[in-house]
């Protein structure tokens, strides 16, 4: 948009969900996913991938979205986690919190929720600072927090 040199890399669209298709359940993918239909469930890209999600004007997701790159011009009713870049086109409508690293938002796009900038570089620096200041007690507490997080995921 607007002549930015930091465009989302075009990824080969490997999966197309047409406008007459409705998916009921979670969807996990890698590569490129283009959505014209409806998904009732969470949409997740493979960890560590350069996957791209494109939601057209007709596309609708009811569930959380977790992807590195996304171009949204449709409707999402859930939280969005874009670890690299998120583009919200003029007809994008998100009802939920948006966690992003890099954001482009066109006039007309709407978000009904919190916009939370999560800068990867800042998180890396904070993490490195914590390692330097670790005490034996804080190390035990960190291990317990990791165990608790692992239990919460299962």
Protein backbone atom coordinates (compact mmCIF):
# COMPACT_ATOMS: atom_id res chain seq x y z
CA UNK A 1 0.00 0.00 0.00
CA UNK A 2 1.08 3.61 -0.48
CA UNK A 3 4.34 2.72 -2.22
CA UNK A 4 5.98 1.17 0.84
CA UNK A 5 9.15 -0.77 0.15
CA UNK A 6 8.34 -3.08 3.07
CA UNK A 7 5.58 -5.02 1.29
CA UNK A 8 4.57 -8.50 2.35
CA UNK A 9 6.56 -10.96 0.29
CA UNK A 10 4.34 -12.66 -2.21
CA UNK A 11 4.15 -16.29 -1.29
CA UNK A 12 2.88 -18.97 -3.57
CA UNK A 13 -0.79 -19.47 -2.76
CA UNK A 14 -0.98 -23.21 -2.14
CA UNK A 15 -4.47 -23.29 -0.66
CA UNK A 16 -7.65 -21.55 -1.83
CA UNK A 17 -10.88 -21.71 0.13
CA UNK A 18 -13.61 -20.54 -2.25
CA UNK A 19 -16.56 -18.32 -1.40
CA UNK A 20 -19.03 -21.23 -1.22
CA UNK A 21 -16.87 -23.24 1.23
CA UNK A 22 -17.41 -23.26 5.01
CA UNK A 23 -14.82 -24.94 7.24
CA UNK A 24 -15.94 -25.92 10.75
CA UNK A 25 -12.80 -26.60 12.83
CA UNK A 26 -9.25 -25.40 13.33
CA UNK A 27 -7.03 -24.98 10.28
CA UNK A 28 -3.23 -25.23 10.24
CA UNK A 29 -1.28 -24.38 7.10
CA UNK A 30 2.09 -23.49 5.61
CA UNK A 31 2.84 -21.48 2.49
CA UNK A 32 0.05 -19.26 1.23
CA UNK A 33 -3.65 -19.46 2.09
CA UNK A 34 -6.27 -17.37 0.27
CA UNK A 35 -9.69 -17.26 1.95
CA UNK A 36 -12.87 -16.26 0.13
CA UNK A 37 -15.13 -18.52 2.25
CA UNK A 38 -15.78 -18.94 5.97
CA UNK A 39 -13.81 -20.64 8.74
CA UNK A 40 -15.27 -21.32 12.18
CA UNK A 41 -12.15 -22.19 14.13
CA UNK A 42 -8.60 -21.01 14.75
CA UNK A 43 -6.27 -20.44 11.79
CA UNK A 44 -2.59 -21.10 12.51
CA UNK A 45 0.50 -21.03 10.31
CA UNK A 46 3.31 -23.52 10.79
CA UNK A 47 5.86 -22.30 13.38
CA UNK A 48 8.94 -20.63 11.93
CA UNK A 49 7.41 -20.43 8.45
CA UNK A 50 7.07 -17.43 6.16
CA UNK A 51 3.39 -18.23 5.60
CA UNK A 52 0.95 -15.65 4.27
CA UNK A 53 -2.79 -15.48 4.95
CA UNK A 54 -4.94 -13.44 2.56
CA UNK A 55 -8.57 -12.86 3.57
CA UNK A 56 -10.60 -11.34 0.75
CA UNK A 57 -13.57 -9.02 1.15
CA UNK A 58 -15.92 -12.04 1.20
CA UNK A 59 -13.73 -14.03 3.63
CA UNK A 60 -14.71 -14.50 7.27
CA UNK A 61 -12.92 -16.17 10.20
CA UNK A 62 -14.60 -16.78 13.55
CA UNK A 63 -11.65 -17.73 15.74
CA UNK A 64 -8.09 -16.66 16.51
CA UNK A 65 -5.54 -16.13 13.74
CA UNK A 66 -1.82 -16.69 14.30
CA UNK A 67 0.41 -16.09 11.26
CA UNK A 68 3.67 -14.36 10.35
CA UNK A 69 2.17 -12.35 7.47
CA UNK A 70 -1.46 -11.41 6.79
CA UNK A 71 -3.41 -9.26 4.35
CA UNK A 72 -6.96 -8.78 5.61
CA UNK A 73 -9.82 -7.25 3.64
CA UNK A 74 -12.63 -9.34 5.18
CA UNK A 75 -13.97 -10.08 8.65
CA UNK A 76 -12.24 -11.69 11.63
CA UNK A 77 -14.08 -12.30 14.89
CA UNK A 78 -11.22 -13.26 17.18
CA UNK A 79 -7.72 -12.21 18.15
CA UNK A 80 -5.08 -11.70 15.46
CA UNK A 81 -1.39 -12.44 16.05
CA UNK A 82 0.84 -11.31 13.15
CA UNK A 83 4.45 -11.94 14.16
CA UNK A 84 5.99 -10.19 11.12
CA UNK A 85 3.56 -7.93 9.25
CA UNK A 86 -0.16 -7.21 9.09
CA UNK A 87 -1.89 -5.30 6.30
CA UNK A 88 -5.46 -4.17 6.93
CA UNK A 89 -7.15 -3.16 3.69
CA UNK A 90 -10.02 -0.68 3.47
CA UNK A 91 -12.81 -3.22 4.15
CA UNK A 92 -11.05 -5.14 6.93
CA UNK A 93 -13.14 -5.58 10.07
CA UNK A 94 -11.59 -7.20 13.15
CA UNK A 95 -13.48 -7.78 16.40
CA UNK A 96 -10.76 -8.80 18.83
CA UNK A 97 -7.28 -7.81 19.92
CA UNK A 98 -4.58 -7.33 17.31
CA UNK A 99 -0.97 -8.23 18.16
CA UNK A 100 1.44 -7.07 15.48
CA UNK A 101 5.10 -6.34 14.78
CA UNK A 102 4.64 -4.19 11.67
CA UNK A 103 1.27 -2.74 10.62
CA UNK A 104 -0.22 -1.07 7.54
CA UNK A 105 -3.81 0.07 7.92
CA UNK A 106 -5.87 1.64 5.15
CA UNK A 107 -8.54 4.25 5.70
CA UNK A 108 -11.84 2.45 6.28
CA UNK A 109 -10.38 -0.58 8.09
CA UNK A 110 -11.80 -1.13 11.56
CA UNK A 111 -10.59 -2.85 14.71
CA UNK A 112 -12.87 -3.29 17.70
CA UNK A 113 -10.30 -4.33 20.30
CA UNK A 114 -6.84 -3.45 21.50
CA UNK A 115 -3.93 -2.82 19.13
CA UNK A 116 -0.81 -4.27 20.75
CA UNK A 117 2.57 -3.58 19.17
CA UNK A 118 5.03 -6.39 19.86
CA UNK A 119 8.46 -5.40 18.66
CA UNK A 120 10.66 -8.48 18.23
CA UNK A 121 13.89 -6.49 18.76
CA UNK A 122 12.63 -5.03 22.04
CA UNK A 123 11.61 -8.50 23.30
CA UNK A 124 15.06 -9.85 22.38
CA UNK A 125 16.80 -7.04 24.28
CA UNK A 126 14.54 -7.52 27.32
CA UNK A 127 15.26 -11.26 27.27
CA UNK A 128 19.02 -10.69 27.08
CA UNK A 129 18.85 -8.21 29.97
CA UNK A 130 16.97 -10.72 32.14
CA UNK A 131 19.62 -13.41 31.52
CA UNK A 132 22.36 -11.12 32.82
CA UNK A 133 20.45 -10.31 36.02
CA UNK A 134 19.24 -13.85 36.85
CA UNK A 135 19.59 -15.05 40.40
CA UNK A 136 19.14 -18.69 41.52
CA UNK A 137 15.66 -17.81 42.90
CA UNK A 138 14.54 -16.12 39.67
CA UNK A 139 15.86 -19.08 37.65
CA UNK A 140 13.67 -21.47 39.69
CA UNK A 141 10.70 -19.13 39.22
CA UNK A 142 11.31 -18.96 35.44
CA UNK A 143 11.37 -22.76 35.23
CA UNK A 144 8.08 -22.91 37.15
CA UNK A 145 6.52 -20.31 34.78
CA UNK A 146 7.61 -22.40 31.76
CA UNK A 147 6.07 -25.52 33.33
CA UNK A 148 2.84 -23.64 34.04
CA UNK A 149 2.72 -22.31 30.45
CA UNK A 150 3.26 -25.83 29.05
CA UNK A 151 0.42 -27.17 31.19
CA UNK A 152 -1.88 -24.33 30.09
CA UNK A 153 -1.30 -25.19 26.41
CA UNK A 154 -2.31 -28.82 26.87
